[in-house]
Amino acid sequence: MNKIVLMSDPKIAAIPVVECAEPLVDIRLEGSLAIDSRKVDHSGAFAYLREGVLTRLLKAQKLLPDGVRLLFVEGYRPPALQRDYFERYADELRTGNPGWSPTQVRDAASRYVSPPEIAPHSAGAAVDLTLVSADGRELDMGTRVNASPEESDGACYTDADNVGSEARANRRVLSDALTAAGLVNYPTEWWHWSYGDRYWALATDTDSAMYGPRELG
């Protein structure tokens, strides 16, 4: 995909899901990944991923340079929470841009929060993550994880040109490892990677997704 295809694009929703019924697993039980606390919730839902996604994250971690580790921030997101995130951000955009049409609001919102009906996080297929040094220090990635396009002046886009050389290099390290492990990036968010969902299917020219939105438990 040379041109950025947003999550709101009808071609994403048109991709069928052939659910493989692979379980959601708690990555904390595996023990190899560093886990950040910023998205911790009372149910622990944030720490779940589909088994196949976790397998690929562990492969990606082995591909990183010595002294660099993945820092897991958020995986699974319940559909109701995803809907709340999307609607709140859409409301902010609508208030700030009263002349926008509903389609413009939806498209702009989907740069940062996926429409709930196709959200990779709610399928357990997506992970937000960054890189840390051996002593746990987050590497310079140009923006914080989950920086909005407005906050970051677009620097949250993976290939943004308004970030420094160190951040670009670190993004490349992250991208090389995760791509080699089979995950795909959402180009408006350098930290967002997925496998097995509809966006992955589009990016890899696969006929169907294997993971669809589901409830935990």
N, C-alpha and C. Protein backbone atom coordinates (compact mmCIF):
# COMPACT_ATOMS: atom_id res chain seq x y z
N MET A 1 0.85 -1.20 0.00
CA MET A 1 0.00 0.00 0.00
C MET A 1 0.88 1.24 0.00
N ASN A 2 1.02 1.90 -1.16
CA ASN A 2 1.83 3.11 -1.24
C ASN A 2 1.10 4.30 -0.62
N LYS A 3 -0.19 4.43 -0.92
CA LYS A 3 -1.00 5.50 -0.37
C LYS A 3 -1.61 4.99 0.94
N ILE A 4 -1.68 5.88 1.93
CA ILE A 4 -2.24 5.47 3.21
C ILE A 4 -3.73 5.20 3.06
N VAL A 5 -4.13 4.00 3.41
CA VAL A 5 -5.54 3.63 3.44
C VAL A 5 -5.98 3.72 4.90
N LEU A 6 -6.96 4.56 5.17
CA LEU A 6 -7.42 4.73 6.54
C LEU A 6 -8.35 3.59 6.95
N MET A 7 -8.47 3.37 8.25
CA MET A 7 -9.34 2.31 8.77
C MET A 7 -10.80 2.53 8.37
N SER A 8 -11.18 3.77 8.08
CA SER A 8 -12.55 4.09 7.72
C SER A 8 -12.87 3.75 6.27
N ASP A 9 -11.86 3.41 5.48
CA ASP A 9 -12.07 3.13 4.06
C ASP A 9 -13.00 1.93 3.91
N PRO A 10 -14.03 2.03 3.08
CA PRO A 10 -14.97 0.93 2.90
C PRO A 10 -14.31 -0.39 2.50
N LYS A 11 -13.15 -0.32 1.85
CA LYS A 11 -12.51 -1.56 1.42
C LYS A 11 -12.02 -2.39 2.62
N ILE A 12 -11.81 -1.73 3.77
CA ILE A 12 -11.42 -2.48 4.97
C ILE A 12 -12.61 -3.27 5.49
N ALA A 13 -13.75 -2.59 5.65
CA ALA A 13 -14.96 -3.25 6.15
C ALA A 13 -15.44 -4.34 5.21
N ALA A 14 -15.10 -4.22 3.91
CA ALA A 14 -15.56 -5.20 2.93
C ALA A 14 -14.79 -6.52 2.99
N ILE A 15 -13.66 -6.53 3.66
CA ILE A 15 -12.88 -7.76 3.76
C ILE A 15 -13.59 -8.73 4.71
N PRO A 16 -13.87 -9.94 4.28
CA PRO A 16 -14.57 -10.88 5.16
C PRO A 16 -13.65 -11.39 6.27
N VAL A 17 -14.27 -11.78 7.36
CA VAL A 17 -13.54 -12.41 8.46
C VAL A 17 -13.92 -13.88 8.50
N VAL A 18 -12.93 -14.73 8.39
CA VAL A 18 -13.13 -16.17 8.57
C VAL A 18 -12.49 -16.50 9.92
N GLU A 19 -13.29 -16.37 10.95
CA GLU A 19 -12.78 -16.46 12.32
C GLU A 19 -12.18 -17.85 12.59
N CYS A 20 -10.94 -17.84 13.05
CA CYS A 20 -10.24 -19.10 13.31
C CYS A 20 -10.42 -19.60 14.74
N ALA A 21 -11.05 -18.78 15.58
CA ALA A 21 -11.33 -19.13 16.97
C ALA A 21 -10.07 -19.36 17.80
N GLU A 22 -8.97 -18.76 17.37
CA GLU A 22 -7.75 -18.84 18.16
C GLU A 22 -7.96 -18.08 19.47
N PRO A 23 -7.46 -18.60 20.58
CA PRO A 23 -7.75 -17.96 21.87
C PRO A 23 -7.00 -16.65 22.08
N LEU A 24 -7.59 -15.82 22.93
CA LEU A 24 -6.88 -14.68 23.48
C LEU A 24 -6.07 -15.17 24.66
N VAL A 25 -4.81 -14.78 24.73
CA VAL A 25 -3.93 -15.24 25.80
C VAL A 25 -3.36 -14.04 26.55
N ASP A 26 -3.10 -14.23 27.82
CA ASP A 26 -2.55 -13.18 28.66
C ASP A 26 -1.03 -13.18 28.49
N ILE A 27 -0.50 -12.13 27.91
CA ILE A 27 0.94 -12.11 27.63
C ILE A 27 1.77 -12.06 28.91
N ARG A 28 1.16 -11.66 30.03
CA ARG A 28 1.91 -11.58 31.29
C ARG A 28 2.33 -12.96 31.77
N LEU A 29 1.60 -13.97 31.35
CA LEU A 29 1.93 -15.34 31.77
C LEU A 29 3.15 -15.87 31.02
N GLU A 30 3.41 -15.32 29.84
CA GLU A 30 4.55 -15.77 29.05
C GLU A 30 5.86 -15.28 29.65
N GLY A 31 5.87 -14.02 30.08
CA GLY A 31 6.98 -13.52 30.88
C GLY A 31 8.16 -12.92 30.17
N SER A 32 8.21 -12.96 28.83
CA SER A 32 9.40 -12.48 28.13
C SER A 32 9.34 -11.01 27.74
N LEU A 33 8.14 -10.45 27.64
CA LEU A 33 7.99 -9.08 27.17
C LEU A 33 7.95 -8.10 28.33
N ALA A 34 8.59 -6.96 28.15
CA ALA A 34 8.45 -5.87 29.11
C ALA A 34 7.07 -5.26 28.93
N ILE A 35 6.37 -5.00 30.03
CA ILE A 35 5.00 -4.53 29.96
C ILE A 35 4.88 -3.18 30.66
N ASP A 36 4.35 -2.21 29.94
CA ASP A 36 4.16 -0.87 30.46
C ASP A 36 2.85 -0.80 31.26
N SER A 37 2.75 0.16 32.16
CA SER A 37 1.58 0.25 33.02
C SER A 37 0.56 1.31 32.59
N ARG A 38 0.83 2.06 31.53
CA ARG A 38 -0.01 3.23 31.23
C ARG A 38 -1.44 2.85 30.79
N LYS A 39 -1.64 1.64 30.29
CA LYS A 39 -2.98 1.24 29.84
C LYS A 39 -3.57 0.12 30.70
N VAL A 40 -3.01 -0.10 31.88
CA VAL A 40 -3.53 -1.14 32.77
C VAL A 40 -4.98 -0.85 33.13
N ASP A 41 -5.82 -1.87 33.06
CA ASP A 41 -7.23 -1.72 33.44
C ASP A 41 -7.55 -2.78 34.50
N HIS A 42 -8.66 -2.61 35.20
CA HIS A 42 -8.96 -3.48 36.34
C HIS A 42 -9.16 -4.92 35.93
N SER A 43 -9.60 -5.16 34.68
CA SER A 43 -9.83 -6.54 34.22
C SER A 43 -8.58 -7.19 33.66
N GLY A 44 -7.57 -6.38 33.38
CA GLY A 44 -6.36 -6.91 32.75
C GLY A 44 -6.52 -7.15 31.27
N ALA A 45 -7.61 -6.66 30.67
CA ALA A 45 -7.88 -6.92 29.25
C ALA A 45 -6.76 -6.41 28.35
N PHE A 46 -6.13 -5.31 28.73
CA PHE A 46 -5.10 -4.69 27.90
C PHE A 46 -3.97 -5.64 27.57
N ALA A 47 -3.75 -6.65 28.42
CA ALA A 47 -2.60 -7.55 28.30
C ALA A 47 -2.89 -8.80 27.47
N TYR A 48 -4.07 -8.87 26.86
CA TYR A 48 -4.41 -10.04 26.06
C TYR A 48 -4.15 -9.80 24.57
N LEU A 49 -3.77 -10.87 23.88
CA LEU A 49 -3.59 -10.88 22.44
C LEU A 49 -3.98 -12.25 21.91
N ARG A 50 -4.26 -12.33 20.64
CA ARG A 50 -4.41 -13.64 20.04
C ARG A 50 -3.07 -14.37 20.12
N GLU A 51 -3.16 -15.65 20.25
CA GLU A 51 -1.96 -16.48 20.44
C GLU A 51 -0.95 -16.28 19.31
N GLY A 52 -1.46 -16.19 18.08
CA GLY A 52 -0.57 -16.02 16.94
C GLY A 52 0.14 -14.69 16.91
N VAL A 53 -0.51 -13.65 17.45
CA VAL A 53 0.13 -12.33 17.51
C VAL A 53 1.25 -12.35 18.54
N LEU A 54 1.00 -12.96 19.69
CA LEU A 54 2.04 -13.07 20.70
C LEU A 54 3.25 -13.84 20.17
N THR A 55 3.01 -14.93 19.48
CA THR A 55 4.11 -15.71 18.91
C THR A 55 4.98 -14.85 18.01
N ARG A 56 4.35 -14.00 17.23
CA ARG A 56 5.11 -13.15 16.31
C ARG A 56 5.82 -12.01 17.04
N LEU A 57 5.25 -11.52 18.11
CA LEU A 57 5.96 -10.51 18.92
C LEU A 57 7.23 -11.09 19.52
N LEU A 58 7.13 -12.30 20.01
CA LEU A 58 8.31 -12.93 20.60
C LEU A 58 9.39 -13.17 19.55
N LYS A 59 8.97 -13.49 18.33
CA LYS A 59 9.94 -13.63 17.25
C LYS A 59 10.59 -12.29 16.94
N ALA A 60 9.77 -11.23 16.89
CA ALA A 60 10.30 -9.90 16.61
C ALA A 60 11.32 -9.46 17.65
N GLN A 61 11.03 -9.77 18.92
CA GLN A 61 11.96 -9.38 19.97
C GLN A 61 13.33 -10.02 19.78
N LYS A 62 13.36 -11.24 19.28
CA LYS A 62 14.64 -11.92 19.06
C LYS A 62 15.41 -11.30 17.89
N LEU A 63 14.73 -10.57 17.04
CA LEU A 63 15.36 -9.95 15.88
C LEU A 63 15.93 -8.56 16.18
N LEU A 64 15.64 -8.03 17.37
CA LEU A 64 16.12 -6.69 17.73
C LEU A 64 17.62 -6.72 18.04
N PRO A 65 18.28 -5.58 17.89
CA PRO A 65 19.71 -5.50 18.25
C PRO A 65 19.92 -5.78 19.74
N ASP A 66 21.11 -6.18 20.10
CA ASP A 66 21.44 -6.40 21.50
C ASP A 66 21.19 -5.12 22.30
N GLY A 67 20.63 -5.28 23.49
CA GLY A 67 20.39 -4.13 24.35
C GLY A 67 19.11 -3.38 24.08
N VAL A 68 18.28 -3.89 23.15
CA VAL A 68 17.01 -3.24 22.82
C VAL A 68 15.90 -4.27 23.00
N ARG A 69 14.79 -3.82 23.63
CA ARG A 69 13.66 -4.71 23.86
C ARG A 69 12.36 -4.03 23.44
N LEU A 70 11.35 -4.85 23.18
CA LEU A 70 10.01 -4.33 22.97
C LEU A 70 9.41 -3.93 24.31
N LEU A 71 8.63 -2.87 24.32
CA LEU A 71 7.83 -2.50 25.49
C LEU A 71 6.37 -2.55 25.07
N PHE A 72 5.65 -3.51 25.60
CA PHE A 72 4.24 -3.71 25.29
C PHE A 72 3.42 -2.67 26.05
N VAL A 73 2.54 -1.96 25.33
CA VAL A 73 1.70 -0.93 25.95
C VAL A 73 0.24 -1.36 26.02
N GLU A 74 -0.33 -1.81 24.92
CA GLU A 74 -1.73 -2.23 24.92
C GLU A 74 -2.00 -3.22 23.81
N GLY A 75 -2.79 -4.25 24.13
CA GLY A 75 -3.22 -5.21 23.14
C GLY A 75 -4.72 -5.17 22.95
N TYR A 76 -5.40 -6.14 23.55
CA TYR A 76 -6.86 -6.24 23.38
C TYR A 76 -7.58 -5.05 24.01
N ARG A 77 -8.64 -4.62 23.31
CA ARG A 77 -9.48 -3.52 23.80
C ARG A 77 -10.94 -3.93 23.62
N PRO A 78 -11.71 -4.06 24.69
CA PRO A 78 -13.11 -4.47 24.57
C PRO A 78 -13.88 -3.57 23.60
N PRO A 79 -14.81 -4.13 22.82
CA PRO A 79 -15.56 -3.34 21.84
C PRO A 79 -16.22 -2.09 22.43
N ALA A 80 -16.76 -2.17 23.63
CA ALA A 80 -17.41 -1.00 24.23
C ALA A 80 -16.40 0.11 24.50
N LEU A 81 -15.20 -0.25 24.92
CA LEU A 81 -14.16 0.75 25.17
C LEU A 81 -13.69 1.36 23.87
N GLN A 82 -13.54 0.54 22.84
CA GLN A 82 -13.15 1.04 21.53
C GLN A 82 -14.18 2.05 21.02
N ARG A 83 -15.45 1.72 21.18
CA ARG A 83 -16.52 2.62 20.74
C ARG A 83 -16.46 3.95 21.50
N ASP A 84 -16.19 3.87 22.79
CA ASP A 84 -16.08 5.09 23.60
C ASP A 84 -14.91 5.95 23.13
N TYR A 85 -13.76 5.34 22.89
CA TYR A 85 -12.59 6.08 22.41
C TYR A 85 -12.90 6.78 21.08
N PHE A 86 -13.52 6.02 20.17
CA PHE A 86 -13.78 6.57 18.84
C PHE A 86 -14.77 7.73 18.91
N GLU A 87 -15.85 7.54 19.66
CA GLU A 87 -16.88 8.58 19.72
C GLU A 87 -16.38 9.84 20.42
N ARG A 88 -15.56 9.67 21.44
CA ARG A 88 -15.02 10.85 22.14
C ARG A 88 -14.10 11.66 21.23
N TYR A 89 -13.24 10.95 20.49
CA TYR A 89 -12.33 11.66 19.59
C TYR A 89 -13.09 12.30 18.44
N ALA A 90 -14.09 11.60 17.90
CA ALA A 90 -14.91 12.16 16.84
C ALA A 90 -15.63 13.42 17.33
N ASP A 91 -16.11 13.41 18.57
CA ASP A 91 -16.78 14.59 19.13
C ASP A 91 -15.81 15.77 19.21
N GLU A 92 -14.56 15.52 19.61
CA GLU A 92 -13.57 16.58 19.67
C GLU A 92 -13.34 17.19 18.28
N LEU A 93 -13.21 16.33 17.28
CA LEU A 93 -12.98 16.81 15.92
C LEU A 93 -14.20 17.57 15.40
N ARG A 94 -15.38 17.08 15.70
CA ARG A 94 -16.61 17.73 15.25
C ARG A 94 -16.74 19.13 15.87
N THR A 95 -16.40 19.23 17.15
CA THR A 95 -16.47 20.53 17.83
C THR A 95 -15.46 21.51 17.26
N GLY A 96 -14.26 21.01 16.98
CA GLY A 96 -13.22 21.89 16.47
C GLY A 96 -13.33 22.22 15.00
N ASN A 97 -14.16 21.46 14.28
CA ASN A 97 -14.31 21.65 12.84
C ASN A 97 -15.80 21.59 12.46
N PRO A 98 -16.57 22.58 12.85
CA PRO A 98 -18.02 22.53 12.67
C PRO A 98 -18.48 22.43 11.22
N GLY A 99 -17.62 22.75 10.28
CA GLY A 99 -18.00 22.67 8.88
C GLY A 99 -17.79 21.31 8.25
N TRP A 100 -17.19 20.40 9.00
CA TRP A 100 -16.90 19.08 8.44
C TRP A 100 -18.18 18.24 8.29
N SER A 101 -18.21 17.43 7.24
CA SER A 101 -19.30 16.49 7.04
C SER A 101 -19.08 15.27 7.94
N PRO A 102 -20.12 14.45 8.15
CA PRO A 102 -19.93 13.22 8.93
C PRO A 102 -18.83 12.33 8.38
N THR A 103 -18.68 12.27 7.06
CA THR A 103 -17.63 11.45 6.46
C THR A 103 -16.25 12.01 6.78
N GLN A 104 -16.12 13.34 6.72
CA GLN A 104 -14.84 13.95 7.07
C GLN A 104 -14.47 13.68 8.52
N VAL A 105 -15.44 13.77 9.41
CA VAL A 105 -15.18 13.50 10.83
C VAL A 105 -14.77 12.05 11.02
N ARG A 106 -15.48 11.14 10.39
CA ARG A 106 -15.17 9.71 10.54
C ARG A 106 -13.77 9.39 9.99
N ASP A 107 -13.44 9.94 8.82
CA ASP A 107 -12.13 9.69 8.25
C ASP A 107 -11.02 10.26 9.12
N ALA A 108 -11.21 11.49 9.60
CA ALA A 108 -10.19 12.11 10.44
C ALA A 108 -10.03 11.36 11.76
N ALA A 109 -11.14 10.93 12.33
CA ALA A 109 -11.07 10.17 13.58
C ALA A 109 -10.33 8.87 13.40
N SER A 110 -10.49 8.25 12.23
CA SER A 110 -9.89 6.93 12.02
C SER A 110 -8.38 6.99 11.80
N ARG A 111 -7.81 8.18 11.70
CA ARG A 111 -6.35 8.29 11.67
C ARG A 111 -5.76 7.86 13.01
N TYR A 112 -6.58 8.00 14.06
CA TYR A 112 -6.07 7.85 15.43
C TYR A 112 -6.80 6.77 16.22
N VAL A 113 -8.09 6.58 15.94
CA VAL A 113 -8.88 5.54 16.62
C VAL A 113 -9.69 4.81 15.56
N SER A 114 -9.58 3.50 15.52
CA SER A 114 -10.28 2.74 14.50
C SER A 114 -11.78 2.72 14.75
N PRO A 115 -12.60 2.81 13.69
CA PRO A 115 -14.04 2.61 13.86
C PRO A 115 -14.29 1.28 14.58
N PRO A 116 -15.17 1.27 15.56
CA PRO A 116 -15.30 0.10 16.43
C PRO A 116 -15.68 -1.19 15.73
N GLU A 117 -16.42 -1.10 14.63
CA GLU A 117 -16.88 -2.33 14.00
C GLU A 117 -15.77 -3.11 13.30
N ILE A 118 -14.64 -2.47 13.04
CA ILE A 118 -13.54 -3.20 12.38
C ILE A 118 -12.23 -3.11 13.18
N ALA A 119 -12.28 -2.64 14.40
CA ALA A 119 -11.08 -2.33 15.17
C ALA A 119 -10.19 -3.55 15.40
N PRO A 120 -8.93 -3.49 14.97
CA PRO A 120 -8.00 -4.60 15.21
C PRO A 120 -7.76 -4.88 16.69
N HIS A 121 -7.77 -3.83 17.53
CA HIS A 121 -7.55 -4.05 18.96
C HIS A 121 -8.67 -4.92 19.55
N SER A 122 -9.89 -4.72 19.10
CA SER A 122 -11.01 -5.47 19.64
C SER A 122 -11.06 -6.91 19.13
N ALA A 123 -10.20 -7.21 18.18
CA ALA A 123 -10.06 -8.58 17.71
C ALA A 123 -8.89 -9.28 18.41
N GLY A 124 -8.17 -8.54 19.25
CA GLY A 124 -6.97 -9.11 19.86
C GLY A 124 -5.85 -9.26 18.86
N ALA A 125 -5.95 -8.53 17.74
CA ALA A 125 -5.01 -8.67 16.64
C ALA A 125 -3.97 -7.57 16.60
N ALA A 126 -4.17 -6.50 17.37
CA ALA A 126 -3.29 -5.34 17.31
C ALA A 126 -2.59 -5.10 18.63
N VAL A 127 -1.41 -4.52 18.51
CA VAL A 127 -0.63 -4.19 19.70
C VAL A 127 0.00 -2.82 19.53
N ASP A 128 -0.02 -2.03 20.59
CA ASP A 128 0.69 -0.76 20.64
C ASP A 128 1.96 -0.99 21.45
N LEU A 129 3.09 -0.59 20.90
CA LEU A 129 4.34 -0.88 21.59
C LEU A 129 5.43 0.07 21.14
N THR A 130 6.52 0.07 21.90
CA THR A 130 7.67 0.90 21.58
C THR A 130 8.94 0.13 21.95
N LEU A 131 10.05 0.82 21.95
CA LEU A 131 11.34 0.19 22.25
C LEU A 131 11.93 0.77 23.53
N VAL A 132 12.61 -0.09 24.28
CA VAL A 132 13.33 0.36 25.47
C VAL A 132 14.74 -0.21 25.45
N SER A 133 15.62 0.45 26.18
CA SER A 133 16.98 -0.05 26.35
C SER A 133 16.99 -1.15 27.40
N ALA A 134 18.14 -1.77 27.59
CA ALA A 134 18.24 -2.87 28.55
C ALA A 134 17.87 -2.43 29.96
N ASP A 135 18.07 -1.15 30.28
CA ASP A 135 17.74 -0.67 31.62
C ASP A 135 16.33 -0.09 31.71
N GLY A 136 15.53 -0.29 30.67
CA GLY A 136 14.13 0.12 30.71
C GLY A 136 13.84 1.52 30.24
N ARG A 137 14.82 2.22 29.70
CA ARG A 137 14.61 3.59 29.23
C ARG A 137 13.98 3.56 27.83
N GLU A 138 12.88 4.29 27.67
CA GLU A 138 12.24 4.34 26.36
C GLU A 138 13.15 5.06 25.36
N LEU A 139 13.28 4.49 24.18
CA LEU A 139 14.08 5.11 23.14
C LEU A 139 13.32 6.25 22.48
N ASP A 140 14.06 7.16 21.88
CA ASP A 140 13.45 8.30 21.19
C ASP A 140 12.77 7.81 19.92
N MET A 141 11.43 7.96 19.87
CA MET A 141 10.67 7.57 18.69
C MET A 141 10.02 8.78 18.01
N GLY A 142 10.34 9.96 18.47
CA GLY A 142 9.83 11.18 17.84
C GLY A 142 8.59 11.74 18.50
N THR A 143 7.73 10.88 19.02
CA THR A 143 6.54 11.29 19.77
C THR A 143 6.32 10.25 20.87
N ARG A 144 5.43 10.58 21.78
CA ARG A 144 5.03 9.57 22.75
C ARG A 144 4.13 8.54 22.07
N VAL A 145 4.00 7.37 22.64
CA VAL A 145 3.01 6.41 22.19
C VAL A 145 1.62 7.04 22.37
N ASN A 146 0.77 6.87 21.36
CA ASN A 146 -0.60 7.39 21.37
C ASN A 146 -0.69 8.91 21.25
N ALA A 147 0.32 9.53 20.66
CA ALA A 147 0.21 10.96 20.37
C ALA A 147 -0.74 11.15 19.19
N SER A 148 -1.67 12.08 19.30
CA SER A 148 -2.63 12.32 18.22
C SER A 148 -1.97 13.11 17.10
N PRO A 149 -2.57 13.11 15.90
CA PRO A 149 -2.03 13.93 14.81
C PRO A 149 -2.01 15.41 15.17
N GLU A 150 -3.03 15.87 15.92
CA GLU A 150 -3.08 17.29 16.30
C GLU A 150 -1.97 17.63 17.29
N GLU A 151 -1.82 16.78 18.30
CA GLU A 151 -0.79 17.01 19.33
C GLU A 151 0.61 17.01 18.74
N SER A 152 0.85 16.09 17.82
CA SER A 152 2.21 15.87 17.32
C SER A 152 2.50 16.58 16.00
N ASP A 153 1.53 17.33 15.48
CA ASP A 153 1.68 17.98 14.18
C ASP A 153 2.03 16.94 13.10
N GLY A 154 1.39 15.78 13.23
CA GLY A 154 1.58 14.73 12.23
C GLY A 154 2.81 13.87 12.43
N ALA A 155 3.61 14.15 13.45
CA ALA A 155 4.82 13.36 13.67
C ALA A 155 4.52 11.94 14.11
N CYS A 156 3.27 11.67 14.47
CA CYS A 156 2.89 10.30 14.83
C CYS A 156 2.84 9.39 13.61
N TYR A 157 2.74 9.95 12.41
CA TYR A 157 2.76 9.13 11.20
C TYR A 157 4.11 8.42 11.11
N THR A 158 4.08 7.16 10.76
CA THR A 158 5.29 6.34 10.80
C THR A 158 6.41 6.93 9.96
N ASP A 159 6.08 7.43 8.78
CA ASP A 159 7.11 7.98 7.89
C ASP A 159 7.17 9.50 7.92
N ALA A 160 6.73 10.11 9.02
CA ALA A 160 6.75 11.57 9.13
C ALA A 160 8.17 12.09 8.96
N ASP A 161 8.27 13.25 8.29
CA ASP A 161 9.60 13.83 8.08
C ASP A 161 9.95 14.89 9.11
N ASN A 162 9.04 15.13 10.08
CA ASN A 162 9.33 16.14 11.10
C ASN A 162 9.75 15.51 12.43
N VAL A 163 10.53 14.43 12.34
CA VAL A 163 11.15 13.84 13.53
C VAL A 163 12.66 13.76 13.28
N GLY A 164 13.42 13.67 14.36
CA GLY A 164 14.87 13.66 14.24
C GLY A 164 15.43 12.36 13.69
N SER A 165 16.71 12.39 13.37
CA SER A 165 17.36 11.22 12.77
C SER A 165 17.40 10.03 13.72
N GLU A 166 17.56 10.29 15.02
CA GLU A 166 17.58 9.19 15.99
C GLU A 166 16.22 8.51 16.05
N ALA A 167 15.16 9.30 16.07
CA ALA A 167 13.82 8.74 16.09
C ALA A 167 13.54 7.94 14.83
N ARG A 168 13.95 8.46 13.68
CA ARG A 168 13.74 7.73 12.42
C ARG A 168 14.47 6.39 12.44
N ALA A 169 15.68 6.41 12.96
CA ALA A 169 16.46 5.17 13.03
C ALA A 169 15.79 4.16 13.97
N ASN A 170 15.29 4.64 15.10
CA ASN A 170 14.63 3.73 16.04
C ASN A 170 13.32 3.19 15.48
N ARG A 171 12.60 4.02 14.76
CA ARG A 171 11.38 3.53 14.11
C ARG A 171 11.72 2.44 13.09
N ARG A 172 12.83 2.61 12.40
CA ARG A 172 13.23 1.61 11.42
C ARG A 172 13.59 0.29 12.10
N VAL A 173 14.26 0.37 13.24
CA VAL A 173 14.59 -0.85 14.00
C VAL A 173 13.32 -1.59 14.39
N LEU A 174 12.35 -0.84 14.91
CA LEU A 174 11.07 -1.42 15.31
C LEU A 174 10.36 -2.03 14.10
N SER A 175 10.31 -1.28 13.02
CA SER A 175 9.62 -1.73 11.82
C SER A 175 10.26 -2.97 11.21
N ASP A 176 11.57 -2.98 11.14
CA ASP A 176 12.25 -4.12 10.53
C ASP A 176 11.96 -5.42 11.28
N ALA A 177 12.00 -5.35 12.61
CA ALA A 177 11.77 -6.55 13.41
C ALA A 177 10.33 -7.03 13.31
N LEU A 178 9.38 -6.10 13.42
CA LEU A 178 7.97 -6.49 13.41
C LEU A 178 7.52 -6.94 12.02
N THR A 179 8.02 -6.27 10.98
CA THR A 179 7.69 -6.68 9.62
C THR A 179 8.23 -8.07 9.33
N ALA A 180 9.46 -8.33 9.76
CA ALA A 180 10.05 -9.64 9.54
C ALA A 180 9.28 -10.74 10.26
N ALA A 181 8.61 -10.38 11.35
CA ALA A 181 7.83 -11.35 12.11
C ALA A 181 6.40 -11.51 11.57
N GLY A 182 6.04 -10.72 10.55
CA GLY A 182 4.75 -10.91 9.90
C GLY A 182 3.68 -9.91 10.26
N LEU A 183 4.00 -8.89 11.08
CA LEU A 183 3.01 -7.89 11.44
C LEU A 183 3.03 -6.73 10.45
N VAL A 184 1.94 -5.97 10.42
CA VAL A 184 1.86 -4.79 9.56
C VAL A 184 1.56 -3.57 10.41
N ASN A 185 2.01 -2.43 9.93
CA ASN A 185 1.85 -1.17 10.64
C ASN A 185 0.67 -0.37 10.09
N TYR A 186 -0.01 0.35 10.97
CA TYR A 186 -0.99 1.34 10.53
C TYR A 186 -0.22 2.64 10.36
N PRO A 187 -0.07 3.16 9.14
CA PRO A 187 0.90 4.22 8.86
C PRO A 187 0.68 5.55 9.54
N THR A 188 -0.47 5.75 10.18
CA THR A 188 -0.69 7.00 10.91
C THR A 188 -0.25 6.90 12.36
N GLU A 189 0.19 5.72 12.78
CA GLU A 189 0.60 5.48 14.17
C GLU A 189 1.83 4.57 14.18
N TRP A 190 2.99 5.12 14.44
CA TRP A 190 4.20 4.32 14.36
C TRP A 190 4.21 3.15 15.35
N TRP A 191 3.42 3.26 16.43
CA TRP A 191 3.41 2.27 17.50
C TRP A 191 2.41 1.14 17.30
N HIS A 192 1.53 1.25 16.30
CA HIS A 192 0.41 0.31 16.13
C HIS A 192 0.75 -0.74 15.06
N TRP A 193 0.75 -2.01 15.50
CA TRP A 193 1.07 -3.12 14.60
C TRP A 193 0.04 -4.22 14.78
N SER A 194 -0.24 -4.95 13.71
CA SER A 194 -1.27 -5.99 13.81
C SER A 194 -0.97 -7.17 12.91
N TYR A 195 -1.69 -8.24 13.21
CA TYR A 195 -1.59 -9.47 12.42
C TYR A 195 -2.94 -10.17 12.43
N GLY A 196 -3.40 -10.63 11.28
CA GLY A 196 -4.59 -11.45 11.21
C GLY A 196 -5.90 -10.72 11.11
N ASP A 197 -5.91 -9.39 11.20
CA ASP A 197 -7.13 -8.59 11.14
C ASP A 197 -7.40 -8.13 9.70
N ARG A 198 -8.46 -7.36 9.52
CA ARG A 198 -8.81 -6.89 8.18
C ARG A 198 -7.74 -5.98 7.58
N TYR A 199 -7.16 -5.11 8.40
CA TYR A 199 -6.14 -4.21 7.85
C TYR A 199 -4.91 -5.00 7.41
N TRP A 200 -4.54 -5.99 8.19
CA TRP A 200 -3.45 -6.90 7.81
C TRP A 200 -3.77 -7.59 6.50
N ALA A 201 -5.02 -8.04 6.35
CA ALA A 201 -5.42 -8.73 5.12
C ALA A 201 -5.26 -7.82 3.90
N LEU A 202 -5.66 -6.55 4.04
CA LEU A 202 -5.49 -5.61 2.94
C LEU A 202 -4.01 -5.40 2.63
N ALA A 203 -3.22 -5.18 3.66
CA ALA A 203 -1.80 -4.88 3.47
C ALA A 203 -1.02 -6.04 2.88
N THR A 204 -1.46 -7.25 3.15
CA THR A 204 -0.76 -8.44 2.66
C THR A 204 -1.45 -9.10 1.47
N ASP A 205 -2.50 -8.45 0.96
CA ASP A 205 -3.26 -8.96 -0.17
C ASP A 205 -3.80 -10.37 0.11
N THR A 206 -4.34 -10.53 1.32
CA THR A 206 -4.95 -11.80 1.73
C THR A 206 -6.46 -11.68 1.60
N ASP A 207 -7.11 -12.76 1.16
CA ASP A 207 -8.54 -12.70 0.83
C ASP A 207 -9.44 -12.42 2.03
N SER A 208 -9.04 -12.87 3.21
CA SER A 208 -9.89 -12.70 4.39
C SER A 208 -9.04 -12.52 5.64
N ALA A 209 -9.66 -11.95 6.65
CA ALA A 209 -9.02 -11.84 7.97
C ALA A 209 -9.32 -13.11 8.76
N MET A 210 -8.45 -13.43 9.69
CA MET A 210 -8.66 -14.62 10.52
C MET A 210 -9.15 -14.28 11.92
N TYR A 211 -9.04 -12.99 12.29
CA TYR A 211 -9.48 -12.55 13.61
C TYR A 211 -10.51 -11.42 13.46
N GLY A 212 -11.66 -11.56 14.09
CA GLY A 212 -12.66 -10.51 14.13
C GLY A 212 -12.90 -10.03 15.55
N PRO A 213 -13.54 -8.87 15.72
CA PRO A 213 -13.84 -8.36 17.07
C PRO A 213 -14.56 -9.40 17.91
N ARG A 214 -14.23 -9.44 19.20
CA ARG A 214 -14.84 -10.41 20.10
C ARG A 214 -14.79 -9.88 21.53
N GLU A 215 -15.58 -10.48 22.37
CA GLU A 215 -15.55 -10.17 23.80
C GLU A 215 -14.52 -11.05 24.49
N LEU A 216 -13.94 -10.55 25.55
CA LEU A 216 -12.99 -11.34 26.31
C LEU A 216 -13.73 -12.28 27.23
N GLY A 217 -13.34 -13.54 27.25
CA GLY A 217 -13.96 -14.51 28.14
C GLY A 217 -15.12 -15.26 27.54
